[in-house]
C-alpha atoms as a PDB file:
ATOM      1  CA  MET A   1      72.640 291.517 336.872  1.00  0.00           C
ATOM      2  CA  THR A   2      71.111 288.147 337.302  1.00  0.00           C
ATOM      3  CA  GLU A   3      70.830 285.823 334.498  1.00  0.00           C
ATOM      4  CA  THR A   4      67.317 284.645 333.489  1.00  0.00           C
ATOM      5  CA  ALA A   5      67.085 280.911 334.391  1.00  0.00           C
ATOM      6  CA  ILE A   6      66.262 278.737 331.208  1.00  0.00           C
ATOM      7  CA  ARG A   7      63.078 277.082 331.623  1.00  0.00           C
ATOM      8  CA  GLN A   8      63.357 273.284 331.278  1.00  0.00           C
ATOM      9  CA  PRO A   9      60.862 271.687 329.152  1.00  0.00           C
ATOM     10  CA  GLY A  10      57.847 269.981 330.940  1.00  0.00           C
ATOM     11  CA  PHE A  11      55.036 267.420 330.321  1.00  0.00           C
ATOM     12  CA  THR A  12      52.877 270.230 328.638  1.00  0.00           C
ATOM     13  CA  ASP A  13      55.637 270.869 326.046  1.00  0.00           C
ATOM     14  CA  LEU A  14      55.570 267.194 324.809  1.00  0.00           C
ATOM     15  CA  PRO A  15      52.692 267.771 322.409  1.00  0.00           C
ATOM     16  CA  ALA A  16      54.580 270.623 320.627  1.00  0.00           C
ATOM     17  CA  LEU A  17      57.755 268.354 320.365  1.00  0.00           C
ATOM     18  CA  MET A  18      55.875 265.364 319.096  1.00  0.00           C
ATOM     19  CA  ALA A  19      54.068 267.844 316.405  1.00  0.00           C
ATOM     20  CA  ARG A  20      57.573 268.334 315.050  1.00  0.00           C
ATOM     21  CA  LEU A  21      57.766 264.849 313.962  1.00  0.00           C
ATOM     22  CA  THR A  22      55.822 264.604 310.719  1.00  0.00           C
ATOM     23  CA  GLY A  23      54.998 262.169 308.122  1.00  0.00           C
ATOM     24  CA  ASP A  24      52.620 259.075 307.397  1.00  0.00           C
ATOM     25  CA  GLU A  25      54.379 256.456 309.471  1.00  0.00           C
ATOM     26  CA  LYS A  26      54.236 258.054 312.938  1.00  0.00           C
ATOM     27  CA  HIS A  27      52.043 255.268 314.600  1.00  0.00           C
ATOM     28  CA  SER A  28      50.541 258.312 316.411  1.00  0.00           C
ATOM     29  CA  GLY A  29      48.231 256.010 318.594  1.00  0.00           C
ATOM     30  CA  ALA A  30      50.814 253.702 319.709  1.00  0.00           C
ATOM     31  CA  ALA A  31      53.245 256.754 320.666  1.00  0.00           C
ATOM     32  CA  GLU A  32      50.421 258.659 322.641  1.00  0.00           C
ATOM     33  CA  SER A  33      49.537 255.633 324.558  1.00  0.00           C
ATOM     34  CA  THR A  34      53.092 255.800 326.139  1.00  0.00           C
ATOM     35  CA  LEU A  35      53.346 259.392 326.749  1.00  0.00           C
ATOM     36  CA  ASP A  36      52.369 259.583 330.435  1.00  0.00           C
ATOM     37  CA  VAL A  37      54.359 256.549 331.328  1.00  0.00           C
ATOM     38  CA  LEU A  38      57.562 257.713 329.608  1.00  0.00           C
ATOM     39  CA  TRP A  39      57.280 261.130 331.305  1.00  0.00           C
ATOM     40  CA  VAL A  40      56.852 259.869 334.902  1.00  0.00           C
ATOM     41  CA  LEU A  41      59.664 257.373 334.282  1.00  0.00           C
ATOM     42  CA  TYR A  42      62.317 260.155 332.952  1.00  0.00           C
ATOM     43  CA  ASP A  43      61.100 262.935 335.098  1.00  0.00           C
ATOM     44  CA  ARG A  44      60.634 261.092 338.541  1.00  0.00           C
ATOM     45  CA  VAL A  45      61.723 257.558 338.574  1.00  0.00           C
ATOM     46  CA  LEU A  46      64.857 256.717 336.302  1.00  0.00           C
ATOM     47  CA  ARG A  47      68.289 257.691 337.552  1.00  0.00           C
ATOM     48  CA  VAL A  48      69.457 258.535 334.091  1.00  0.00           C
ATOM     49  CA  SER A  49      70.512 261.792 332.260  1.00  0.00           C
ATOM     50  CA  ALA A  50      71.893 262.947 329.049  1.00  0.00           C
ATOM     51  CA  ALA A  51      75.171 263.948 330.956  1.00  0.00           C
ATOM     52  CA  ALA A  52      75.605 260.391 332.625  1.00  0.00           C
ATOM     53  CA  ARG A  53      74.078 258.154 329.851  1.00  0.00           C
ATOM     54  CA  GLU A  54      77.233 255.871 329.878  1.00  0.00           C
ATOM     55  CA  ASP A  55      77.381 255.694 333.763  1.00  0.00           C
ATOM     56  CA  PRO A  56      77.553 251.997 334.630  1.00  0.00           C
ATOM     57  CA  ASP A  57      75.201 252.613 337.593  1.00  0.00           C
ATOM     58  CA  ARG A  58      72.568 254.334 335.638  1.00  0.00           C
ATOM     59  CA  ASP A  59      69.150 252.814 335.379  1.00  0.00           C
ATOM     60  CA  ARG A  60      68.329 251.230 332.133  1.00  0.00           C
ATOM     61  CA  PHE A  61      65.067 251.838 330.073  1.00  0.00           C
ATOM     62  CA  LEU A  62      64.395 249.483 327.263  1.00  0.00           C
ATOM     63  CA  LEU A  63      61.654 250.521 324.845  1.00  0.00           C
ATOM     64  CA  SER A  64      60.325 247.275 323.417  1.00  0.00           C
ATOM     65  CA  LYS A  65      57.237 248.872 321.903  1.00  0.00           C
ATOM     66  CA  GLY A  66      59.432 250.536 319.464  1.00  0.00           C
ATOM     67  CA  HIS A  67      57.140 250.761 316.468  1.00  0.00           C
ATOM     68  CA  GLY A  68      55.693 254.100 317.904  1.00  0.00           C
ATOM     69  CA  PRO A  69      58.825 256.143 318.986  1.00  0.00           C
ATOM     70  CA  MET A  70      57.440 259.609 318.664  1.00  0.00           C
ATOM     71  CA  ALA A  71      56.768 260.040 322.340  1.00  0.00           C
ATOM     72  CA  PHE A  72      60.175 258.378 323.316  1.00  0.00           C
ATOM     73  CA  TYR A  73      61.876 260.895 320.991  1.00  0.00           C
ATOM     74  CA  ALA A  74      59.890 263.759 322.328  1.00  0.00           C
ATOM     75  CA  VAL A  75      60.856 262.869 325.969  1.00  0.00           C
ATOM     76  CA  LEU A  76      64.444 262.520 324.962  1.00  0.00           C
ATOM     77  CA  ALA A  77      64.592 265.895 323.430  1.00  0.00           C
ATOM     78  CA  ALA A  78      62.802 267.367 326.591  1.00  0.00           C
ATOM     79  CA  LYS A  79      65.414 265.816 328.872  1.00  0.00           C
ATOM     80  CA  GLY A  80      68.488 266.881 326.752  1.00  0.00           C
ATOM     81  CA  PHE A  81      69.452 263.622 325.088  1.00  0.00           C
ATOM     82  CA  LEU A  82      68.292 265.202 321.726  1.00  0.00           C
ATOM     83  CA  ARG A  83      68.199 268.702 320.218  1.00  0.00           C
ATOM     84  CA  PRO A  84      64.585 269.598 319.658  1.00  0.00           C
ATOM     85  CA  ASP A  85      65.141 270.531 315.966  1.00  0.00           C
ATOM     86  CA  GLU A  86      66.359 267.010 315.261  1.00  0.00           C
ATOM     87  CA  LEU A  87      62.864 265.868 315.584  1.00  0.00           C
ATOM     88  CA  GLU A  88      61.875 267.680 312.333  1.00  0.00           C
ATOM     89  CA  GLY A  89      64.005 265.540 310.223  1.00  0.00           C
ATOM     90  CA  TRP A  90      63.220 262.159 311.707  1.00  0.00           C
ATOM     91  CA  ALA A  91      63.230 259.150 309.391  1.00  0.00           C
ATOM     92  CA  ASP A  92      65.174 261.186 306.844  1.00  0.00           C
ATOM     93  CA  ALA A  93      68.108 259.459 305.131  1.00  0.00           C
ATOM     94  CA  ARG A  94      70.330 261.839 307.026  1.00  0.00           C
ATOM     95  CA  SER A  95      68.647 261.620 310.519  1.00  0.00           C
ATOM     96  CA  ARG A  96      69.746 259.464 313.190  1.00  0.00           C
ATOM     97  CA  LEU A  97      66.098 259.094 314.324  1.00  0.00           C
ATOM     98  CA  GLY A  98      64.410 256.195 312.530  1.00  0.00           C
ATOM     99  CA  MET A  99      61.037 254.741 312.563  1.00  0.00           C
ATOM    100  CA  HIS A 100      62.338 252.275 315.049  1.00  0.00           C
ATOM    101  CA  PRO A 101      65.069 253.522 317.492  1.00  0.00           C
ATOM    102  CA  ASP A 102      68.628 252.424 316.913  1.00  0.00           C
ATOM    103  CA  ARG A 103      70.803 252.003 319.968  1.00  0.00           C
ATOM    104  CA  LEU A 104      73.955 252.650 318.059  1.00  0.00           C
ATOM    105  CA  LEU A 105      72.417 256.185 316.860  1.00  0.00           C
ATOM    106  CA  VAL A 106      69.965 257.403 319.343  1.00  0.00           C
ATOM    107  CA  PRO A 107      71.408 258.761 322.552  1.00  0.00           C
ATOM    108  CA  GLY A 108      69.844 257.103 325.529  1.00  0.00           C
ATOM    109  CA  ALA A 109      68.372 254.040 323.562  1.00  0.00           C
ATOM    110  CA  GLU A 110      69.518 251.067 325.315  1.00  0.00           C
ATOM    111  CA  ILE A 111      68.256 248.570 322.618  1.00  0.00           C
ATOM    112  CA  SER A 112      67.211 248.816 318.905  1.00  0.00           C
ATOM    113  CA  SER A 113      63.620 247.884 318.839  1.00  0.00           C
ATOM    114  CA  GLY A 114      60.577 247.340 316.616  1.00  0.00           C
ATOM    115  CA  SER A 115      60.392 243.603 316.400  1.00  0.00           C
ATOM    116  CA  LEU A 116      57.877 242.739 318.999  1.00  0.00           C
ATOM    117  CA  GLY A 117      58.552 240.400 321.696  1.00  0.00           C
ATOM    118  CA  HIS A 118      62.260 241.084 322.028  1.00  0.00           C
ATOM    119  CA  GLY A 119      62.431 243.814 324.715  1.00  0.00           C
ATOM    120  CA  LEU A 120      61.371 241.762 327.685  1.00  0.00           C
ATOM    121  CA  PRO A 121      63.779 238.910 327.115  1.00  0.00           C
ATOM    122  CA  LEU A 122      66.580 241.488 326.517  1.00  0.00           C
ATOM    123  CA  ALA A 123      65.507 243.235 329.916  1.00  0.00           C
ATOM    124  CA  VAL A 124      65.869 239.830 331.725  1.00  0.00           C
ATOM    125  CA  GLY A 125      69.352 239.384 330.245  1.00  0.00           C
ATOM    126  CA  THR A 126      70.316 242.954 331.343  1.00  0.00           C
ATOM    127  CA  ALA A 127      69.105 242.274 334.941  1.00  0.00           C
ATOM    128  CA  LEU A 128      70.986 239.065 334.920  1.00  0.00           C
ATOM    129  CA  GLY A 129      74.079 240.852 333.601  1.00  0.00           C
ATOM    130  CA  LEU A 130      74.015 243.393 336.394  1.00  0.00           C
ATOM    131  CA  ARG A 131      73.445 240.912 339.066  1.00  0.00           C
ATOM    132  CA  ALA A 132      76.403 238.967 337.780  1.00  0.00           C
ATOM    133  CA  ARG A 133      78.755 242.191 338.067  1.00  0.00           C
ATOM    134  CA  ARG A 134      77.154 242.850 341.544  1.00  0.00           C
ATOM    135  CA  ARG A 135      75.532 245.945 340.492  1.00  0.00           C
ATOM    136  CA  THR A 136      72.506 245.788 342.618  1.00  0.00           C
ATOM    137  CA  GLY A 137      71.457 249.479 342.404  1.00  0.00           C
ATOM    138  CA  PRO A 138      70.510 250.144 338.875  1.00  0.00           C
ATOM    139  CA  LYS A 139      66.880 249.378 338.019  1.00  0.00           C
ATOM    140  CA  VAL A 140      65.855 247.774 334.549  1.00  0.00           C
ATOM    141  CA  VAL A 141      62.602 248.937 333.096  1.00  0.00           C
ATOM    142  CA  VAL A 142      61.214 247.684 329.880  1.00  0.00           C
ATOM    143  CA  LEU A 143      57.943 249.045 328.254  1.00  0.00           C
ATOM    144  CA  VAL A 144      55.744 246.519 326.145  1.00  0.00           C
ATOM    145  CA  GLY A 145      52.383 246.615 324.624  1.00  0.00           C
ATOM    146  CA  ASP A 146      49.506 244.154 325.799  1.00  0.00           C
ATOM    147  CA  ALA A 147      49.308 242.612 322.127  1.00  0.00           C
ATOM    148  CA  GLU A 148      53.015 242.140 322.405  1.00  0.00           C
ATOM    149  CA  LEU A 149      52.568 239.705 325.094  1.00  0.00           C
ATOM    150  CA  ASP A 150      51.065 237.259 322.670  1.00  0.00           C
ATOM    151  CA  GLU A 151      54.582 236.439 321.588  1.00  0.00           C
ATOM    152  CA  GLY A 152      55.954 233.171 323.060  1.00  0.00           C
ATOM    153  CA  SER A 153      59.442 234.760 324.020  1.00  0.00           C
ATOM    154  CA  ASN A 154      57.647 236.884 326.450  1.00  0.00           C
ATOM    155  CA  HIS A 155      56.124 233.960 328.304  1.00  0.00           C
ATOM    156  CA  GLU A 156      59.567 232.336 328.829  1.00  0.00           C
ATOM    157  CA  ALA A 157      61.084 235.562 330.026  1.00  0.00           C
ATOM    158  CA  ILE A 158      58.018 236.019 332.546  1.00  0.00           C
ATOM    159  CA  ALA A 159      58.520 232.577 333.966  1.00  0.00           C
ATOM    160  CA  PHE A 160      62.297 232.748 334.347  1.00  0.00           C
ATOM    161  CA  ALA A 161      62.352 236.237 335.883  1.00  0.00           C
ATOM    162  CA  GLY A 162      59.896 235.391 338.626  1.00  0.00           C
ATOM    163  CA  ARG A 163      61.572 232.185 339.370  1.00  0.00           C
ATOM    164  CA  SER A 164      64.865 233.836 339.398  1.00  0.00           C
ATOM    165  CA  GLY A 165      63.770 236.774 341.646  1.00  0.00           C
ATOM    166  CA  LEU A 166      65.108 239.622 339.373  1.00  0.00           C
ATOM    167  CA  GLY A 167      63.909 242.351 341.777  1.00  0.00           C
ATOM    168  CA  GLN A 168      65.838 245.028 339.773  1.00  0.00           C
ATOM    169  CA  LEU A 169      63.431 244.386 336.858  1.00  0.00           C
ATOM    170  CA  THR A 170      60.258 246.184 336.062  1.00  0.00           C
ATOM    171  CA  THR A 171      57.941 245.674 333.040  1.00  0.00           C
ATOM    172  CA  VAL A 172      55.437 248.302 332.137  1.00  0.00           C
ATOM    173  CA  VAL A 173      52.463 246.961 330.051  1.00  0.00           C
ATOM    174  CA  ILE A 174      50.586 249.494 328.062  1.00  0.00           C
ATOM    175  CA  ASP A 175      47.084 248.063 328.088  1.00  0.00           C
ATOM    176  CA  ASN A 176      44.939 249.577 325.250  1.00  0.00           C
ATOM    177  CA  ALA A 177      42.928 246.361 324.770  1.00  0.00           C
ATOM    178  CA  SER A 178      44.648 245.288 321.595  1.00  0.00           C
ATOM    179  CA  ALA A 179      45.708 241.861 322.722  1.00  0.00           C
ATOM    180  CA  SER A 180      44.163 239.195 320.605  1.00  0.00           C
ATOM    181  CA  HIS A 181      42.945 236.814 323.251  1.00  0.00           C
ATOM    182  CA  GLY A 182      43.926 238.450 326.643  1.00  0.00           C
ATOM    183  CA  TRP A 183      44.586 236.440 330.084  1.00  0.00           C
ATOM    184  CA  PRO A 184      42.153 234.980 332.570  1.00  0.00           C
ATOM    185  CA  GLY A 185      42.182 237.414 335.567  1.00  0.00           C
ATOM    186  CA  GLY A 186      43.884 240.130 333.774  1.00  0.00           C
ATOM    187  CA  ILE A 187      47.419 240.926 332.414  1.00  0.00           C
ATOM    188  CA  ALA A 188      48.853 241.302 336.005  1.00  0.00           C
ATOM    189  CA  ALA A 189      47.643 237.793 337.003  1.00  0.00           C
ATOM    190  CA  ARG A 190      49.822 236.381 334.129  1.00  0.00           C
ATOM    191  CA  PHE A 191      53.045 237.741 335.944  1.00  0.00           C
ATOM    192  CA  GLU A 192      51.959 237.240 339.511  1.00  0.00           C
ATOM    193  CA  VAL A 193      51.275 233.379 339.077  1.00  0.00           C
ATOM    194  CA  GLU A 194      55.011 233.184 338.107  1.00  0.00           C
ATOM    195  CA  GLY A 195      56.061 235.106 341.161  1.00  0.00           C
ATOM    196  CA  TRP A 196      56.031 238.741 340.210  1.00  0.00           C
ATOM    197  CA  ALA A 197      54.554 241.714 342.089  1.00  0.00           C
ATOM    198  CA  GLY A 198      51.709 243.200 340.035  1.00  0.00           C
ATOM    199  CA  ARG A 199      50.034 246.638 340.072  1.00  0.00           C
ATOM    200  CA  THR A 200      47.308 247.791 337.527  1.00  0.00           C
ATOM    201  CA  VAL A 201      46.811 251.638 337.279  1.00  0.00           C
ATOM    202  CA  ASP A 202      45.309 254.275 335.114  1.00  0.00           C
ATOM    203  CA  GLY A 203      47.926 254.971 332.557  1.00  0.00           C
ATOM    204  CA  ARG A 204      47.255 258.602 332.510  1.00  0.00           C
ATOM    205  CA  ASP A 205      47.491 259.290 336.150  1.00  0.00           C
ATOM    206  CA  HIS A 206      50.929 260.310 337.078  1.00  0.00           C
ATOM    207  CA  GLU A 207      50.589 259.987 340.769  1.00  0.00           C
ATOM    208  CA  ALA A 208      49.269 256.424 340.517  1.00  0.00           C
ATOM    209  CA  LEU A 209      52.050 255.471 338.078  1.00  0.00           C
ATOM    210  CA  TYR A 210      54.800 256.939 340.360  1.00  0.00           C
ATOM    211  CA  THR A 211      53.397 255.120 343.353  1.00  0.00           C
ATOM    212  CA  ALA A 212      53.377 251.811 341.409  1.00  0.00           C
ATOM    213  CA  PHE A 213      56.830 252.306 340.236  1.00  0.00           C
ATOM    214  CA  THR A 214      58.315 253.173 343.615  1.00  0.00           C
ATOM    215  CA  GLU A 215      56.542 251.113 346.210  1.00  0.00           C
ATOM    216  CA  PRO A 216      59.126 248.439 347.253  1.00  0.00           C
ATOM    217  CA  HIS A 217      58.804 244.849 345.910  1.00  0.00           C
ATOM    218  CA  PRO A 218      61.785 243.144 347.561  1.00  0.00           C
ATOM    219  CA  GLY A 219      63.129 240.027 345.973  1.00  0.00           C
ATOM    220  CA  ARG A 220      60.402 240.001 342.963  1.00  0.00           C
ATOM    221  CA  PRO A 221      60.319 241.567 339.627  1.00  0.00           C
ATOM    222  CA  LEU A 222      57.451 244.035 339.337  1.00  0.00           C
ATOM    223  CA  VAL A 223      54.925 244.576 336.548  1.00  0.00           C
ATOM    224  CA  VAL A 224      52.844 247.640 336.273  1.00  0.00           C
ATOM    225  CA  VAL A 225      49.898 247.447 333.861  1.00  0.00           C
ATOM    226  CA  ALA A 226      48.994 251.001 332.716  1.00  0.00           C
ATOM    227  CA  ARG A 227      45.590 251.003 331.256  1.00  0.00           C
ATOM    228  CA  VAL A 228      44.708 253.619 328.545  1.00  0.00           C
ATOM    229  CA  GLU A 229      41.970 254.239 326.159  1.00  0.00           C
ATOM    230  CA  PRO A 230      41.130 251.156 323.977  1.00  0.00           C
ATOM    231  CA  ARG A 231      42.628 251.140 320.442  1.00  0.00           C
ATOM    232  CA  GLU A 232      40.239 251.981 317.912  1.00  0.00           C
END
């Protein structure tokens, strides 16, 4: 007798997983804007798994846009980092899933996030640390929001990373037109002027996202601007 294969959750299962997170502080819009990007990264791009989450040669994903973690938790559950039933008790006093991810509690969370403007500088430091240890294989991917780029610490990180040629670093900017002022020439241009490779794509198009993440950009950090529906 052959055993029936257990079906692994896919992208179409994510809405049901997200629905298990209930409450008034879900930041649903912020979470849903990241869903497609997160899935493409964890399903097709990042070399990281629940079984090897402490592997020193794993890719690193840093969620800087941490105030909307619903999609992040749902993807972690789909990929085996979390039990799906844990989602139902999130933000409870007994749950390890807070309204902002805690790296000491959430399997697969590389940083504790929520304070906007911290993730990109931390990603730069992570890439520098890997370079210093001669670990040139792992990628460092950080997800930020377009409004988050208003924070001054990001501009310092953008300039430093470009001038330092941090080719292991990728920044994903979720562009839902919520920045206060915007940038002349668009978001990608802000990075490109500092030496980054820049790509702007439809943030709901999985193939376009995959191509943007995987096309070579030797010797330069990469920014992928993922455009989604404007925030209402």
